[in-house]
Amino acid sequence: MSDQPQDIQQLSFEAALKRLEEIVRKLESGEASLDESIELYGEGDRLKQQCEARLHAAQARIDKIQLGPTGAPGGTVPFDGD
């Protein structure tokens, strides 16, 4: 487990999620001191925000196919999450 936080913006989604899981395990285990727990919580919050931003960006890039009157694909429209 890495004790040194990396630049969160540079982490892939998968790396950020893995680090967030490590932080949660460490906090839940109770092995961190109070000061370390506060630092870990802050890092975890930043990682959570980064992961959410990447998920929203990915969702915005997804298009769904819009069918024309004949049933043939007629183009795409932005993904609406439904």
PDB file of N, CA and C in Angstrom:
ATOM      1  N   MET A   1       0.849  -1.176   0.000  1.00  0.00           N
ATOM      2  CA  MET A   1       0.000   0.000   0.000  1.00  0.00           C
ATOM      3  C   MET A   1       0.886   1.228   0.000  1.00  0.00           C
ATOM      4  N   SER A   2       0.615   2.185  -0.849  1.00  0.00           N
ATOM      5  CA  SER A   2       1.411   3.393  -0.963  1.00  0.00           C
ATOM      6  C   SER A   2       1.001   4.408   0.096  1.00  0.00           C
ATOM      7  N   ASP A   3       2.003   4.959   0.797  1.00  0.00           N
ATOM      8  CA  ASP A   3       1.715   5.983   1.795  1.00  0.00           C
ATOM      9  C   ASP A   3       1.872   7.385   1.231  1.00  0.00           C
ATOM     10  N   GLN A   4       2.375   7.512   0.010  1.00  0.00           N
ATOM     11  CA  GLN A   4       2.588   8.818  -0.583  1.00  0.00           C
ATOM     12  C   GLN A   4       1.534   9.072  -1.648  1.00  0.00           C
ATOM     13  N   PRO A   5       0.685  10.092  -1.444  1.00  0.00           N
ATOM     14  CA  PRO A   5      -0.336  10.377  -2.451  1.00  0.00           C
ATOM     15  C   PRO A   5       0.291  10.908  -3.733  1.00  0.00           C
ATOM     16  N   GLN A   6      -0.177  10.433  -4.863  1.00  0.00           N
ATOM     17  CA  GLN A   6       0.276  10.930  -6.150  1.00  0.00           C
ATOM     18  C   GLN A   6      -0.624  12.087  -6.561  1.00  0.00           C
ATOM     19  N   ASP A   7      -0.216  12.796  -7.610  1.00  0.00           N
ATOM     20  CA  ASP A   7      -1.069  13.841  -8.152  1.00  0.00           C
ATOM     21  C   ASP A   7      -2.339  13.169  -8.665  1.00  0.00           C
ATOM     22  N   ILE A   8      -3.430  13.427  -8.007  1.00  0.00           N
ATOM     23  CA  ILE A   8      -4.691  12.738  -8.283  1.00  0.00           C
ATOM     24  C   ILE A   8      -5.150  12.953  -9.719  1.00  0.00           C
ATOM     25  N   GLN A   9      -4.906  14.114 -10.274  1.00  0.00           N
ATOM     26  CA  GLN A   9      -5.328  14.398 -11.650  1.00  0.00           C
ATOM     27  C   GLN A   9      -4.635  13.487 -12.656  1.00  0.00           C
ATOM     28  N   GLN A  10      -3.445  12.987 -12.315  1.00  0.00           N
ATOM     29  CA  GLN A  10      -2.668  12.155 -13.238  1.00  0.00           C
ATOM     30  C   GLN A  10      -3.032  10.675 -13.163  1.00  0.00           C
ATOM     31  N   LEU A  11      -3.779  10.283 -12.147  1.00  0.00           N
ATOM     32  CA  LEU A  11      -4.135   8.881 -11.971  1.00  0.00           C
ATOM     33  C   LEU A  11      -5.227   8.471 -12.945  1.00  0.00           C
ATOM     34  N   SER A  12      -5.133   7.247 -13.429  1.00  0.00           N
ATOM     35  CA  SER A  12      -6.236   6.698 -14.221  1.00  0.00           C
ATOM     36  C   SER A  12      -7.409   6.464 -13.277  1.00  0.00           C
ATOM     37  N   PHE A  13      -8.583   6.249 -13.844  1.00  0.00           N
ATOM     38  CA  PHE A  13      -9.753   5.965 -13.021  1.00  0.00           C
ATOM     39  C   PHE A  13      -9.495   4.744 -12.151  1.00  0.00           C
ATOM     40  N   GLU A  14      -8.928   3.705 -12.755  1.00  0.00           N
ATOM     41  CA  GLU A  14      -8.684   2.456 -12.035  1.00  0.00           C
ATOM     42  C   GLU A  14      -7.686   2.643 -10.892  1.00  0.00           C
ATOM     43  N   ALA A  15      -6.615   3.415 -11.133  1.00  0.00           N
ATOM     44  CA  ALA A  15      -5.612   3.664 -10.095  1.00  0.00           C
ATOM     45  C   ALA A  15      -6.197   4.505  -8.959  1.00  0.00           C
ATOM     46  N   ALA A  16      -7.019   5.495  -9.317  1.00  0.00           N
ATOM     47  CA  ALA A  16      -7.650   6.337  -8.292  1.00  0.00           C
ATOM     48  C   ALA A  16      -8.613   5.510  -7.444  1.00  0.00           C
ATOM     49  N   LEU A  17      -9.372   4.644  -8.079  1.00  0.00           N
ATOM     50  CA  LEU A  17     -10.316   3.794  -7.351  1.00  0.00           C
ATOM     51  C   LEU A  17      -9.567   2.820  -6.438  1.00  0.00           C
ATOM     52  N   LYS A  18      -8.464   2.256  -6.917  1.00  0.00           N
ATOM     53  CA  LYS A  18      -7.670   1.336  -6.104  1.00  0.00           C
ATOM     54  C   LYS A  18      -7.117   2.053  -4.875  1.00  0.00           C
ATOM     55  N   ARG A  19      -6.588   3.267  -5.078  1.00  0.00           N
ATOM     56  CA  ARG A  19      -6.054   4.033  -3.952  1.00  0.00           C
ATOM     57  C   ARG A  19      -7.170   4.368  -2.967  1.00  0.00           C
ATOM     58  N   LEU A  20      -8.341   4.722  -3.468  1.00  0.00           N
ATOM     59  CA  LEU A  20      -9.477   5.016  -2.608  1.00  0.00           C
ATOM     60  C   LEU A  20      -9.858   3.790  -1.776  1.00  0.00           C
ATOM     61  N   GLU A  21      -9.842   2.621  -2.379  1.00  0.00           N
ATOM     62  CA  GLU A  21     -10.138   1.389  -1.648  1.00  0.00           C
ATOM     63  C   GLU A  21      -9.096   1.125  -0.565  1.00  0.00           C
ATOM     64  N   GLU A  22      -7.811   1.412  -0.858  1.00  0.00           N
ATOM     65  CA  GLU A  22      -6.750   1.250   0.137  1.00  0.00           C
ATOM     66  C   GLU A  22      -6.983   2.170   1.336  1.00  0.00           C
ATOM     67  N   ILE A  23      -7.378   3.391   1.040  1.00  0.00           N
ATOM     68  CA  ILE A  23      -7.640   4.365   2.107  1.00  0.00           C
ATOM     69  C   ILE A  23      -8.796   3.902   2.979  1.00  0.00           C
ATOM     70  N   VAL A  24      -9.855   3.449   2.353  1.00  0.00           N
ATOM     71  CA  VAL A  24     -11.024   2.972   3.111  1.00  0.00           C
ATOM     72  C   VAL A  24     -10.631   1.812   4.018  1.00  0.00           C
ATOM     73  N   ARG A  25      -9.863   0.848   3.481  1.00  0.00           N
ATOM     74  CA  ARG A  25      -9.434  -0.292   4.303  1.00  0.00           C
ATOM     75  C   ARG A  25      -8.601   0.173   5.499  1.00  0.00           C
ATOM     76  N   LYS A  26      -7.693   1.119   5.262  1.00  0.00           N
ATOM     77  CA  LYS A  26      -6.832   1.595   6.347  1.00  0.00           C
ATOM     78  C   LYS A  26      -7.647   2.336   7.402  1.00  0.00           C
ATOM     79  N   LEU A  27      -8.591   3.159   6.969  1.00  0.00           N
ATOM     80  CA  LEU A  27      -9.428   3.884   7.922  1.00  0.00           C
ATOM     81  C   LEU A  27     -10.326   2.928   8.699  1.00  0.00           C
ATOM     82  N   GLU A  28     -10.883   1.942   8.016  1.00  0.00           N
ATOM     83  CA  GLU A  28     -11.767   0.987   8.697  1.00  0.00           C
ATOM     84  C   GLU A  28     -11.015   0.096   9.671  1.00  0.00           C
ATOM     85  N   SER A  29      -9.742  -0.153   9.403  1.00  0.00           N
ATOM     86  CA  SER A  29      -8.965  -1.027  10.284  1.00  0.00           C
ATOM     87  C   SER A  29      -8.600  -0.353  11.599  1.00  0.00           C
ATOM     88  N   GLY A  30      -8.607   0.980  11.600  1.00  0.00           N
ATOM     89  CA  GLY A  30      -8.260   1.717  12.805  1.00  0.00           C
ATOM     90  C   GLY A  30      -6.774   1.799  13.059  1.00  0.00           C
ATOM     91  N   GLU A  31      -5.948   1.404  12.089  1.00  0.00           N
ATOM     92  CA  GLU A  31      -4.497   1.414  12.297  1.00  0.00           C
ATOM     93  C   GLU A  31      -3.864   2.793  12.103  1.00  0.00           C
ATOM     94  N   ALA A  32      -4.598   3.743  11.554  1.00  0.00           N
ATOM     95  CA  ALA A  32      -4.057   5.085  11.318  1.00  0.00           C
ATOM     96  C   ALA A  32      -4.267   5.959  12.555  1.00  0.00           C
ATOM     97  N   SER A  33      -3.285   6.834  12.808  1.00  0.00           N
ATOM     98  CA  SER A  33      -3.433   7.806  13.900  1.00  0.00           C
ATOM     99  C   SER A  33      -4.499   8.824  13.509  1.00  0.00           C
ATOM    100  N   LEU A  34      -4.895   9.660  14.447  1.00  0.00           N
ATOM    101  CA  LEU A  34      -5.920  10.665  14.165  1.00  0.00           C
ATOM    102  C   LEU A  34      -5.464  11.608  13.057  1.00  0.00           C
ATOM    103  N   ASP A  35      -4.238  12.109  13.153  1.00  0.00           N
ATOM    104  CA  ASP A  35      -3.740  13.029  12.120  1.00  0.00           C
ATOM    105  C   ASP A  35      -3.667  12.352  10.756  1.00  0.00           C
ATOM    106  N   GLU A  36      -3.186  11.114  10.733  1.00  0.00           N
ATOM    107  CA  GLU A  36      -3.103  10.391   9.473  1.00  0.00           C
ATOM    108  C   GLU A  36      -4.502  10.116   8.927  1.00  0.00           C
ATOM    109  N   SER A  37      -5.439   9.806   9.801  1.00  0.00           N
ATOM    110  CA  SER A  37      -6.820   9.557   9.372  1.00  0.00           C
ATOM    111  C   SER A  37      -7.415  10.792   8.719  1.00  0.00           C
ATOM    112  N   ILE A  38      -7.135  11.956   9.285  1.00  0.00           N
ATOM    113  CA  ILE A  38      -7.652  13.211   8.708  1.00  0.00           C
ATOM    114  C   ILE A  38      -7.047  13.439   7.331  1.00  0.00           C
ATOM    115  N   GLU A  39      -5.740  13.201   7.185  1.00  0.00           N
ATOM    116  CA  GLU A  39      -5.084  13.358   5.882  1.00  0.00           C
ATOM    117  C   GLU A  39      -5.635  12.354   4.874  1.00  0.00           C
ATOM    118  N   LEU A  40      -5.799  11.109   5.311  1.00  0.00           N
ATOM    119  CA  LEU A  40      -6.340  10.078   4.426  1.00  0.00           C
ATOM    120  C   LEU A  40      -7.761  10.405   3.998  1.00  0.00           C
ATOM    121  N   TYR A  41      -8.571  10.922   4.926  1.00  0.00           N
ATOM    122  CA  TYR A  41      -9.940  11.290   4.592  1.00  0.00           C
ATOM    123  C   TYR A  41      -9.944  12.372   3.512  1.00  0.00           C
ATOM    124  N   GLY A  42      -9.078  13.374   3.654  1.00  0.00           N
ATOM    125  CA  GLY A  42      -8.993  14.438   2.654  1.00  0.00           C
ATOM    126  C   GLY A  42      -8.578  13.914   1.293  1.00  0.00           C
ATOM    127  N   GLU A  43      -7.574  13.034   1.291  1.00  0.00           N
ATOM    128  CA  GLU A  43      -7.136  12.435   0.031  1.00  0.00           C
ATOM    129  C   GLU A  43      -8.255  11.591  -0.571  1.00  0.00           C
ATOM    130  N   GLY A  44      -8.945  10.838   0.265  1.00  0.00           N
ATOM    131  CA  GLY A  44     -10.052  10.017  -0.216  1.00  0.00           C
ATOM    132  C   GLY A  44     -11.157  10.853  -0.821  1.00  0.00           C
ATOM    133  N   ASP A  45     -11.440  11.991  -0.213  1.00  0.00           N
ATOM    134  CA  ASP A  45     -12.474  12.876  -0.753  1.00  0.00           C
ATOM    135  C   ASP A  45     -12.067  13.404  -2.124  1.00  0.00           C
ATOM    136  N   ARG A  46     -10.805  13.781  -2.284  1.00  0.00           N
ATOM    137  CA  ARG A  46     -10.320  14.259  -3.588  1.00  0.00           C
ATOM    138  C   ARG A  46     -10.360  13.141  -4.626  1.00  0.00           C
ATOM    139  N   LEU A  47      -9.997  11.924  -4.210  1.00  0.00           N
ATOM    140  CA  LEU A  47     -10.062  10.784  -5.126  1.00  0.00           C
ATOM    141  C   LEU A  47     -11.496  10.496  -5.552  1.00  0.00           C
ATOM    142  N   LYS A  48     -12.427  10.567  -4.618  1.00  0.00           N
ATOM    143  CA  LYS A  48     -13.845  10.342  -4.915  1.00  0.00           C
ATOM    144  C   LYS A  48     -14.343  11.364  -5.936  1.00  0.00           C
ATOM    145  N   GLN A  49     -13.978  12.625  -5.740  1.00  0.00           N
ATOM    146  CA  GLN A  49     -14.389  13.669  -6.675  1.00  0.00           C
ATOM    147  C   GLN A  49     -13.797  13.424  -8.069  1.00  0.00           C
ATOM    148  N   GLN A  50     -12.532  13.002  -8.112  1.00  0.00           N
ATOM    149  CA  GLN A  50     -11.877  12.718  -9.389  1.00  0.00           C
ATOM    150  C   GLN A  50     -12.559  11.546 -10.093  1.00  0.00           C
ATOM    151  N   CYS A  51     -12.858  10.493  -9.358  1.00  0.00           N
ATOM    152  CA  CYS A  51     -13.536   9.335  -9.948  1.00  0.00           C
ATOM    153  C   CYS A  51     -14.917   9.723 -10.478  1.00  0.00           C
ATOM    154  N   GLU A  52     -15.666  10.494  -9.699  1.00  0.00           N
ATOM    155  CA  GLU A  52     -16.985  10.934 -10.145  1.00  0.00           C
ATOM    156  C   GLU A  52     -16.886  11.795 -11.405  1.00  0.00           C
ATOM    157  N   ALA A  53     -15.904  12.685 -11.460  1.00  0.00           N
ATOM    158  CA  ALA A  53     -15.739  13.539 -12.635  1.00  0.00           C
ATOM    159  C   ALA A  53     -15.418  12.701 -13.869  1.00  0.00           C
ATOM    160  N   ARG A  54     -14.570  11.697 -13.695  1.00  0.00           N
ATOM    161  CA  ARG A  54     -14.231  10.838 -14.838  1.00  0.00           C
ATOM    162  C   ARG A  54     -15.435  10.008 -15.286  1.00  0.00           C
ATOM    163  N   LEU A  55     -16.242   9.546 -14.347  1.00  0.00           N
ATOM    164  CA  LEU A  55     -17.453   8.794 -14.715  1.00  0.00           C
ATOM    165  C   LEU A  55     -18.440   9.676 -15.466  1.00  0.00           C
ATOM    166  N   HIS A  56     -18.617  10.911 -14.992  1.00  0.00           N
ATOM    167  CA  HIS A  56     -19.532  11.835 -15.674  1.00  0.00           C
ATOM    168  C   HIS A  56     -19.030  12.158 -17.079  1.00  0.00           C
ATOM    169  N   ALA A  57     -17.716  12.338 -17.229  1.00  0.00           N
ATOM    170  CA  ALA A  57     -17.146  12.618 -18.545  1.00  0.00           C
ATOM    171  C   ALA A  57     -17.344  11.431 -19.480  1.00  0.00           C
ATOM    172  N   ALA A  58     -17.154  10.227 -18.961  1.00  0.00           N
ATOM    173  CA  ALA A  58     -17.349   9.031 -19.780  1.00  0.00           C
ATOM    174  C   ALA A  58     -18.812   8.893 -20.191  1.00  0.00           C
ATOM    175  N   GLN A  59     -19.711   9.156 -19.257  1.00  0.00           N
ATOM    176  CA  GLN A  59     -21.135   9.058 -19.560  1.00  0.00           C
ATOM    177  C   GLN A  59     -21.527  10.069 -20.636  1.00  0.00           C
ATOM    178  N   ALA A  60     -20.951  11.256 -20.588  1.00  0.00           N
ATOM    179  CA  ALA A  60     -21.277  12.284 -21.572  1.00  0.00           C
ATOM    180  C   ALA A  60     -20.795  11.902 -22.966  1.00  0.00           C
ATOM    181  N   ARG A  61     -19.770  11.056 -23.053  1.00  0.00           N
ATOM    182  CA  ARG A  61     -19.243  10.646 -24.361  1.00  0.00           C
ATOM    183  C   ARG A  61     -20.025   9.509 -24.984  1.00  0.00           C
ATOM    184  N   ILE A  62     -20.855   8.870 -24.205  1.00  0.00           N
ATOM    185  CA  ILE A  62     -21.614   7.734 -24.725  1.00  0.00           C
ATOM    186  C   ILE A  62     -22.809   8.260 -25.523  1.00  0.00           C
ATOM    187  N   ASP A  63     -22.946   7.759 -26.717  1.00  0.00           N
ATOM    188  CA  ASP A  63     -24.091   8.119 -27.553  1.00  0.00           C
ATOM    189  C   ASP A  63     -25.007   6.917 -27.673  1.00  0.00           C
ATOM    190  N   LYS A  64     -26.268   7.200 -27.838  1.00  0.00           N
ATOM    191  CA  LYS A  64     -27.182   6.101 -28.153  1.00  0.00           C
ATOM    192  C   LYS A  64     -27.675   6.297 -29.576  1.00  0.00           C
ATOM    193  N   ILE A  65     -27.930   5.203 -30.230  1.00  0.00           N
ATOM    194  CA  ILE A  65     -28.357   5.250 -31.629  1.00  0.00           C
ATOM    195  C   ILE A  65     -29.833   5.616 -31.698  1.00  0.00           C
ATOM    196  N   GLN A  66     -30.128   6.565 -32.552  1.00  0.00           N
ATOM    197  CA  GLN A  66     -31.506   6.991 -32.766  1.00  0.00           C
ATOM    198  C   GLN A  66     -31.986   6.356 -34.065  1.00  0.00           C
ATOM    199  N   LEU A  67     -33.110   5.653 -33.987  1.00  0.00           N
ATOM    200  CA  LEU A  67     -33.651   4.999 -35.172  1.00  0.00           C
ATOM    201  C   LEU A  67     -34.570   5.947 -35.930  1.00  0.00           C
ATOM    202  N   GLY A  68     -34.474   5.873 -37.244  1.00  0.00           N
ATOM    203  CA  GLY A  68     -35.331   6.676 -38.107  1.00  0.00           C
ATOM    204  C   GLY A  68     -36.692   6.032 -38.270  1.00  0.00           C
ATOM    205  N   PRO A  69     -37.585   6.646 -39.058  1.00  0.00           N
ATOM    206  CA  PRO A  69     -38.945   6.136 -39.239  1.00  0.00           C
ATOM    207  C   PRO A  69     -38.996   4.740 -39.852  1.00  0.00           C
ATOM    208  N   THR A  70     -37.969   4.339 -40.591  1.00  0.00           N
ATOM    209  CA  THR A  70     -37.952   3.010 -41.207  1.00  0.00           C
ATOM    210  C   THR A  70     -37.348   1.961 -40.282  1.00  0.00           C
ATOM    211  N   GLY A  71     -36.867   2.390 -39.130  1.00  0.00           N
ATOM    212  CA  GLY A  71     -36.229   1.465 -38.203  1.00  0.00           C
ATOM    213  C   GLY A  71     -34.731   1.360 -38.393  1.00  0.00           C
ATOM    214  N   ALA A  72     -34.231   2.028 -39.417  1.00  0.00           N
ATOM    215  CA  ALA A  72     -32.791   2.025 -39.668  1.00  0.00           C
ATOM    216  C   ALA A  72     -32.127   3.100 -38.798  1.00  0.00           C
ATOM    217  N   PRO A  73     -30.875   2.890 -38.444  1.00  0.00           N
ATOM    218  CA  PRO A  73     -30.183   3.912 -37.662  1.00  0.00           C
ATOM    219  C   PRO A  73     -30.177   5.238 -38.406  1.00  0.00           C
ATOM    220  N   GLY A  74     -30.570   6.309 -37.707  1.00  0.00           N
ATOM    221  CA  GLY A  74     -30.651   7.616 -38.339  1.00  0.00           C
ATOM    222  C   GLY A  74     -29.688   8.618 -37.745  1.00  0.00           C
ATOM    223  N   GLY A  75     -28.877   8.204 -36.825  1.00  0.00           N
ATOM    224  CA  GLY A  75     -27.931   9.108 -36.197  1.00  0.00           C
ATOM    225  C   GLY A  75     -27.785   8.772 -34.725  1.00  0.00           C
ATOM    226  N   THR A  76     -27.161   9.648 -34.036  1.00  0.00           N
ATOM    227  CA  THR A  76     -26.978   9.440 -32.594  1.00  0.00           C
ATOM    228  C   THR A  76     -27.443  10.662 -31.833  1.00  0.00           C
ATOM    229  N   VAL A  77     -27.789  10.433 -30.577  1.00  0.00           N
ATOM    230  CA  VAL A  77     -28.151  11.510 -29.676  1.00  0.00           C
ATOM    231  C   VAL A  77     -27.349  11.296 -28.389  1.00  0.00           C
ATOM    232  N   PRO A  78     -27.095  12.352 -27.622  1.00  0.00           N
ATOM    233  CA  PRO A  78     -26.341  12.180 -26.379  1.00  0.00           C
ATOM    234  C   PRO A  78     -27.034  11.202 -25.447  1.00  0.00           C
ATOM    235  N   PHE A  79     -26.237  10.436 -24.742  1.00  0.00           N
ATOM    236  CA  PHE A  79     -26.738   9.485 -23.769  1.00  0.00           C
ATOM    237  C   PHE A  79     -27.459  10.247 -22.669  1.00  0.00           C
ATOM    238  N   ASP A  80     -28.668   9.819 -22.310  1.00  0.00           N
ATOM    239  CA  ASP A  80     -29.437  10.522 -21.278  1.00  0.00           C
ATOM    240  C   ASP A  80     -29.512   9.757 -19.975  1.00  0.00           C
ATOM    241  N   GLY A  81     -28.912   8.577 -19.906  1.00  0.00           N
ATOM    242  CA  GLY A  81     -28.887   7.816 -18.679  1.00  0.00           C
ATOM    243  C   GLY A  81     -30.137   6.988 -18.418  1.00  0.00           C
ATOM    244  N   ASP A  82     -31.083   6.992 -19.303  1.00  0.00           N
ATOM    245  CA  ASP A  82     -32.315   6.213 -19.102  1.00  0.00           C
ATOM    246  C   ASP A  82     -32.144   4.808 -19.589  1.00  0.00           C
TER     247      ASP A  82
END
